[in-house]
């Protein structure tokens, strides 16, 4: 079975590591962490099964990147401390997990995107 691939867009290294740990506790994921939208756009060419996106990162807001994911029908969730009321209309149906997040909230998104697949 191919590994479950997760892209994390988070510019805070501690939070990115925490998200990686939670995802790896749930499934045998191959994780790519990016600090910027530019890095995430380059990494996207490798293909992913799920993306966890902070909204405000070092090079702007991740809304356009999220639109790209939506167009490609790639599951994603915003994991953010940002006010979600400013989210563009076409993205308001996305999953939003507020910071500080719970491990269970992250696990639920991972479980949904991975079809409930856990460690072998």
N, C-alpha and C. Protein backbone atom coordinates (compact mmCIF):
# COMPACT_ATOMS: atom_id res chain seq x y z
N UNK A 1 0.85 -1.17 0.00
CA UNK A 1 0.00 0.00 0.00
C UNK A 1 0.90 1.24 0.00
N UNK A 2 0.59 2.20 -0.84
CA UNK A 2 1.37 3.43 -0.92
C UNK A 2 1.22 4.22 0.37
N UNK A 3 2.27 4.92 0.76
CA UNK A 3 2.17 5.71 1.99
C UNK A 3 1.17 6.85 1.84
N UNK A 4 0.55 7.19 2.93
CA UNK A 4 -0.34 8.34 3.00
C UNK A 4 0.55 9.58 3.03
N UNK A 5 0.30 10.54 2.16
CA UNK A 5 1.18 11.71 2.03
C UNK A 5 0.47 12.96 2.52
N UNK A 6 1.15 13.67 3.43
CA UNK A 6 0.56 14.86 4.06
C UNK A 6 1.51 16.05 3.87
N UNK A 7 0.93 17.16 3.44
CA UNK A 7 1.66 18.41 3.35
C UNK A 7 1.21 19.29 4.51
N UNK A 8 2.16 19.83 5.24
CA UNK A 8 1.87 20.75 6.33
C UNK A 8 2.45 22.11 5.94
N UNK A 9 1.60 23.12 5.90
CA UNK A 9 2.03 24.50 5.66
C UNK A 9 1.88 25.25 6.98
N UNK A 10 3.00 25.43 7.65
CA UNK A 10 3.01 26.07 8.98
C UNK A 10 4.37 26.73 9.16
N UNK A 11 4.36 28.05 9.43
CA UNK A 11 5.64 28.75 9.56
C UNK A 11 6.23 28.72 10.96
N UNK A 12 5.50 28.22 11.92
CA UNK A 12 6.03 28.06 13.28
C UNK A 12 6.58 26.64 13.39
N UNK A 13 7.89 26.52 13.56
CA UNK A 13 8.54 25.20 13.55
C UNK A 13 8.02 24.28 14.65
N UNK A 14 7.73 24.82 15.82
CA UNK A 14 7.23 24.00 16.93
C UNK A 14 5.84 23.44 16.59
N UNK A 15 4.97 24.28 16.05
CA UNK A 15 3.63 23.81 15.68
C UNK A 15 3.70 22.81 14.53
N UNK A 16 4.59 23.04 13.57
CA UNK A 16 4.74 22.09 12.47
C UNK A 16 5.18 20.73 13.00
N UNK A 17 6.13 20.73 13.92
CA UNK A 17 6.59 19.48 14.52
C UNK A 17 5.48 18.79 15.30
N UNK A 18 4.69 19.57 16.01
CA UNK A 18 3.56 19.01 16.76
C UNK A 18 2.56 18.36 15.81
N UNK A 19 2.23 19.03 14.72
CA UNK A 19 1.31 18.46 13.74
C UNK A 19 1.88 17.18 13.13
N UNK A 20 3.16 17.19 12.81
CA UNK A 20 3.81 15.99 12.27
C UNK A 20 3.68 14.83 13.26
N UNK A 21 3.92 15.10 14.53
CA UNK A 21 3.85 14.06 15.55
C UNK A 21 2.44 13.49 15.65
N UNK A 22 1.44 14.34 15.64
CA UNK A 22 0.05 13.87 15.72
C UNK A 22 -0.29 13.01 14.51
N UNK A 23 0.09 13.47 13.33
CA UNK A 23 -0.21 12.71 12.10
C UNK A 23 0.50 11.36 12.14
N UNK A 24 1.75 11.34 12.54
CA UNK A 24 2.52 10.09 12.58
C UNK A 24 2.00 9.13 13.65
N UNK A 25 1.40 9.66 14.71
CA UNK A 25 0.80 8.78 15.72
C UNK A 25 -0.43 8.09 15.17
N UNK A 26 -1.06 8.70 14.18
CA UNK A 26 -2.29 8.14 13.62
C UNK A 26 -1.99 7.16 12.49
N UNK A 27 -1.12 7.55 11.57
CA UNK A 27 -0.90 6.74 10.37
C UNK A 27 0.55 6.79 9.95
N UNK A 28 0.92 5.90 9.08
CA UNK A 28 2.30 5.81 8.57
C UNK A 28 2.49 6.80 7.42
N UNK A 29 2.35 8.06 7.72
CA UNK A 29 2.36 9.10 6.69
C UNK A 29 3.78 9.50 6.29
N UNK A 30 3.88 9.89 5.04
CA UNK A 30 5.07 10.59 4.57
C UNK A 30 4.70 12.08 4.62
N UNK A 31 5.41 12.84 5.42
CA UNK A 31 5.04 14.23 5.68
C UNK A 31 6.07 15.18 5.09
N UNK A 32 5.57 16.22 4.45
CA UNK A 32 6.40 17.31 3.97
C UNK A 32 5.92 18.58 4.65
N UNK A 33 6.83 19.21 5.40
CA UNK A 33 6.49 20.47 6.08
C UNK A 33 7.09 21.63 5.31
N UNK A 34 6.28 22.66 5.13
CA UNK A 34 6.70 23.86 4.41
C UNK A 34 6.43 25.08 5.29
N UNK A 35 7.34 26.02 5.24
CA UNK A 35 7.16 27.25 6.02
C UNK A 35 6.52 28.36 5.21
N UNK A 36 6.51 28.22 3.90
CA UNK A 36 5.98 29.29 3.05
C UNK A 36 5.10 28.71 1.95
N UNK A 37 4.30 29.58 1.38
CA UNK A 37 3.44 29.19 0.27
C UNK A 37 4.30 28.79 -0.92
N UNK A 38 5.38 29.52 -1.16
CA UNK A 38 6.27 29.19 -2.27
C UNK A 38 6.82 27.77 -2.13
N UNK A 39 7.24 27.40 -0.93
CA UNK A 39 7.73 26.04 -0.70
C UNK A 39 6.62 25.02 -0.93
N UNK A 40 5.43 25.33 -0.43
CA UNK A 40 4.30 24.41 -0.57
C UNK A 40 3.93 24.21 -2.04
N UNK A 41 3.98 25.27 -2.83
CA UNK A 41 3.67 25.15 -4.26
C UNK A 41 4.66 24.23 -4.96
N UNK A 42 5.92 24.33 -4.61
CA UNK A 42 6.93 23.44 -5.20
C UNK A 42 6.69 22.00 -4.75
N UNK A 43 6.40 21.82 -3.48
CA UNK A 43 6.20 20.48 -2.92
C UNK A 43 4.94 19.82 -3.49
N UNK A 44 3.95 20.61 -3.86
CA UNK A 44 2.69 20.07 -4.35
C UNK A 44 2.87 19.20 -5.58
N UNK A 45 3.90 19.45 -6.34
CA UNK A 45 4.16 18.66 -7.56
C UNK A 45 4.40 17.19 -7.24
N UNK A 46 4.80 16.90 -6.00
CA UNK A 46 5.05 15.52 -5.60
C UNK A 46 3.79 14.74 -5.28
N UNK A 47 2.67 15.42 -5.16
CA UNK A 47 1.39 14.78 -4.88
C UNK A 47 1.17 14.54 -3.39
N UNK A 48 -0.05 14.78 -2.95
CA UNK A 48 -0.41 14.62 -1.54
C UNK A 48 -1.83 14.09 -1.42
N UNK A 49 -2.10 13.50 -0.26
CA UNK A 49 -3.43 12.99 0.06
C UNK A 49 -4.19 13.93 0.98
N UNK A 50 -3.46 14.81 1.67
CA UNK A 50 -4.06 15.74 2.62
C UNK A 50 -3.10 16.89 2.84
N UNK A 51 -3.65 18.08 3.03
CA UNK A 51 -2.85 19.25 3.40
C UNK A 51 -3.45 19.89 4.63
N UNK A 52 -2.58 20.27 5.56
CA UNK A 52 -2.97 21.02 6.76
C UNK A 52 -2.34 22.39 6.62
N UNK A 53 -3.18 23.43 6.55
CA UNK A 53 -2.72 24.76 6.19
C UNK A 53 -2.95 25.79 7.27
N UNK A 54 -1.90 26.48 7.67
CA UNK A 54 -2.08 27.70 8.43
C UNK A 54 -2.52 28.76 7.43
N UNK A 55 -3.31 29.71 7.83
CA UNK A 55 -3.74 30.76 6.90
C UNK A 55 -2.66 31.81 6.74
N UNK A 56 -2.13 32.32 7.86
CA UNK A 56 -1.11 33.37 7.81
C UNK A 56 0.27 32.76 7.96
N UNK A 57 1.04 32.79 6.87
CA UNK A 57 2.40 32.30 6.89
C UNK A 57 3.34 33.40 6.42
N UNK A 58 4.64 33.12 6.41
CA UNK A 58 5.63 34.17 6.17
C UNK A 58 5.44 34.93 4.87
N UNK A 59 4.92 34.31 3.84
CA UNK A 59 4.79 35.01 2.56
C UNK A 59 3.33 35.31 2.18
N UNK A 60 2.46 35.39 3.18
CA UNK A 60 1.09 35.81 2.90
C UNK A 60 0.04 34.86 3.44
N UNK A 61 -1.15 34.98 2.90
CA UNK A 61 -2.27 34.12 3.29
C UNK A 61 -2.35 32.94 2.32
N UNK A 62 -2.74 31.80 2.82
CA UNK A 62 -2.72 30.57 2.03
C UNK A 62 -4.01 30.34 1.22
N UNK A 63 -4.85 31.33 1.10
CA UNK A 63 -6.12 31.14 0.39
C UNK A 63 -5.95 30.71 -1.06
N UNK A 64 -5.05 31.34 -1.80
CA UNK A 64 -4.86 30.95 -3.20
C UNK A 64 -4.34 29.52 -3.31
N UNK A 65 -3.45 29.14 -2.40
CA UNK A 65 -2.95 27.77 -2.38
C UNK A 65 -4.09 26.80 -2.09
N UNK A 66 -4.96 27.17 -1.15
CA UNK A 66 -6.12 26.34 -0.82
C UNK A 66 -7.05 26.21 -2.03
N UNK A 67 -7.23 27.27 -2.77
CA UNK A 67 -8.05 27.20 -3.99
C UNK A 67 -7.45 26.20 -4.99
N UNK A 68 -6.13 26.21 -5.11
CA UNK A 68 -5.45 25.25 -5.99
C UNK A 68 -5.74 23.83 -5.54
N UNK A 69 -5.65 23.58 -4.24
CA UNK A 69 -5.95 22.25 -3.70
C UNK A 69 -7.39 21.85 -4.00
N UNK A 70 -8.29 22.80 -3.81
CA UNK A 70 -9.71 22.52 -4.05
C UNK A 70 -9.95 22.19 -5.53
N UNK A 71 -9.32 22.94 -6.42
CA UNK A 71 -9.46 22.68 -7.86
C UNK A 71 -8.93 21.29 -8.22
N UNK A 72 -7.89 20.85 -7.53
CA UNK A 72 -7.29 19.54 -7.78
C UNK A 72 -7.97 18.44 -6.96
N UNK A 73 -9.01 18.82 -6.22
CA UNK A 73 -9.78 17.90 -5.39
C UNK A 73 -8.91 17.17 -4.36
N UNK A 74 -7.95 17.91 -3.80
CA UNK A 74 -7.10 17.38 -2.74
C UNK A 74 -7.66 17.84 -1.40
N UNK A 75 -7.90 16.92 -0.48
CA UNK A 75 -8.45 17.30 0.82
C UNK A 75 -7.48 18.20 1.60
N UNK A 76 -8.05 19.18 2.28
CA UNK A 76 -7.23 20.05 3.11
C UNK A 76 -8.08 20.57 4.26
N UNK A 77 -7.37 21.05 5.27
CA UNK A 77 -8.03 21.71 6.40
C UNK A 77 -7.17 22.89 6.79
N UNK A 78 -7.82 23.97 7.17
CA UNK A 78 -7.10 25.10 7.75
C UNK A 78 -6.89 24.81 9.22
N UNK A 79 -5.66 24.92 9.67
CA UNK A 79 -5.31 24.77 11.08
C UNK A 79 -4.72 26.13 11.45
N UNK A 80 -5.52 26.96 12.09
CA UNK A 80 -5.15 28.37 12.16
C UNK A 80 -5.62 29.07 13.42
N UNK A 81 -4.91 30.09 13.77
CA UNK A 81 -5.32 30.99 14.83
C UNK A 81 -5.95 32.25 14.24
N UNK A 82 -6.02 32.31 12.93
CA UNK A 82 -6.57 33.47 12.25
C UNK A 82 -8.09 33.50 12.36
N UNK A 83 -8.62 34.68 12.23
CA UNK A 83 -10.07 34.85 12.22
C UNK A 83 -10.60 34.32 10.89
N UNK A 84 -11.42 33.30 10.96
CA UNK A 84 -11.91 32.66 9.74
C UNK A 84 -13.04 33.43 9.07
N UNK A 85 -13.52 34.48 9.71
CA UNK A 85 -14.61 35.25 9.09
C UNK A 85 -14.14 35.96 7.83
N UNK A 86 -12.83 36.15 7.66
CA UNK A 86 -12.30 36.80 6.47
C UNK A 86 -12.00 35.83 5.34
N UNK A 87 -12.36 34.59 5.51
CA UNK A 87 -12.10 33.56 4.51
C UNK A 87 -12.94 33.84 3.26
N UNK A 88 -12.34 33.76 2.09
CA UNK A 88 -13.10 33.98 0.86
C UNK A 88 -14.26 32.98 0.73
N UNK A 89 -15.31 33.42 0.10
CA UNK A 89 -16.53 32.62 0.01
C UNK A 89 -16.31 31.21 -0.54
N UNK A 90 -15.50 31.04 -1.55
CA UNK A 90 -15.30 29.73 -2.15
C UNK A 90 -14.58 28.73 -1.26
N UNK A 91 -14.06 29.20 -0.12
CA UNK A 91 -13.32 28.32 0.79
C UNK A 91 -14.02 28.15 2.14
N UNK A 92 -15.17 28.73 2.29
CA UNK A 92 -15.85 28.69 3.60
C UNK A 92 -16.35 27.30 3.98
N UNK A 93 -16.42 26.40 3.02
CA UNK A 93 -16.85 25.04 3.33
C UNK A 93 -15.68 24.14 3.75
N UNK A 94 -14.48 24.70 3.77
CA UNK A 94 -13.30 23.92 4.18
C UNK A 94 -13.36 23.61 5.67
N UNK A 95 -12.66 22.57 6.05
CA UNK A 95 -12.54 22.25 7.48
C UNK A 95 -11.65 23.30 8.13
N UNK A 96 -12.08 23.79 9.28
CA UNK A 96 -11.30 24.76 10.06
C UNK A 96 -11.06 24.17 11.43
N UNK A 97 -9.80 24.13 11.82
CA UNK A 97 -9.42 23.70 13.16
C UNK A 97 -8.71 24.88 13.80
N UNK A 98 -9.30 25.38 14.87
CA UNK A 98 -8.76 26.57 15.53
C UNK A 98 -7.58 26.22 16.42
N UNK A 99 -6.58 27.11 16.40
CA UNK A 99 -5.47 27.00 17.34
C UNK A 99 -5.90 27.71 18.62
N UNK A 100 -5.57 27.20 19.76
CA UNK A 100 -4.87 25.94 19.97
C UNK A 100 -5.80 24.78 19.66
N UNK A 101 -5.30 23.84 18.89
CA UNK A 101 -6.09 22.71 18.43
C UNK A 101 -5.92 21.53 19.38
N UNK A 102 -6.85 20.62 19.29
CA UNK A 102 -6.74 19.39 20.06
C UNK A 102 -6.20 18.29 19.14
N UNK A 103 -5.54 17.34 19.73
CA UNK A 103 -5.02 16.21 18.97
C UNK A 103 -6.18 15.48 18.27
N UNK A 104 -7.30 15.36 18.94
CA UNK A 104 -8.44 14.65 18.36
C UNK A 104 -8.98 15.34 17.11
N UNK A 105 -8.95 16.66 17.09
CA UNK A 105 -9.42 17.39 15.91
C UNK A 105 -8.53 17.09 14.70
N UNK A 106 -7.23 17.07 14.91
CA UNK A 106 -6.29 16.76 13.83
C UNK A 106 -6.48 15.31 13.40
N UNK A 107 -6.58 14.41 14.37
CA UNK A 107 -6.77 12.99 14.06
C UNK A 107 -8.04 12.76 13.25
N UNK A 108 -9.10 13.50 13.55
CA UNK A 108 -10.36 13.33 12.81
C UNK A 108 -10.19 13.69 11.34
N UNK A 109 -9.47 14.75 11.05
CA UNK A 109 -9.24 15.15 9.66
C UNK A 109 -8.37 14.11 8.96
N UNK A 110 -7.33 13.65 9.64
CA UNK A 110 -6.44 12.64 9.06
C UNK A 110 -7.22 11.35 8.82
N UNK A 111 -8.03 10.94 9.77
CA UNK A 111 -8.82 9.71 9.63
C UNK A 111 -9.77 9.81 8.44
N UNK A 112 -10.40 10.94 8.29
CA UNK A 112 -11.33 11.14 7.19
C UNK A 112 -10.61 11.05 5.84
N UNK A 113 -9.48 11.75 5.73
CA UNK A 113 -8.75 11.78 4.46
C UNK A 113 -8.07 10.45 4.14
N UNK A 114 -7.71 9.69 5.17
CA UNK A 114 -7.00 8.43 4.95
C UNK A 114 -7.93 7.23 4.92
N UNK A 115 -9.22 7.48 5.01
CA UNK A 115 -10.17 6.39 5.03
C UNK A 115 -10.08 5.56 6.31
N UNK A 116 -9.63 6.22 7.38
CA UNK A 116 -9.52 5.54 8.67
C UNK A 116 -8.28 4.66 8.79
N UNK A 117 -7.43 4.70 7.78
CA UNK A 117 -6.21 3.86 7.78
C UNK A 117 -5.29 4.26 8.93
N UNK A 118 -4.93 3.27 9.72
CA UNK A 118 -4.02 3.51 10.85
C UNK A 118 -2.74 2.75 10.60
N UNK A 119 -1.82 2.87 11.56
CA UNK A 119 -0.56 2.12 11.45
C UNK A 119 -0.86 0.65 11.26
N UNK A 120 -0.04 -0.03 10.47
CA UNK A 120 -0.26 -1.47 10.29
C UNK A 120 0.00 -2.22 11.58
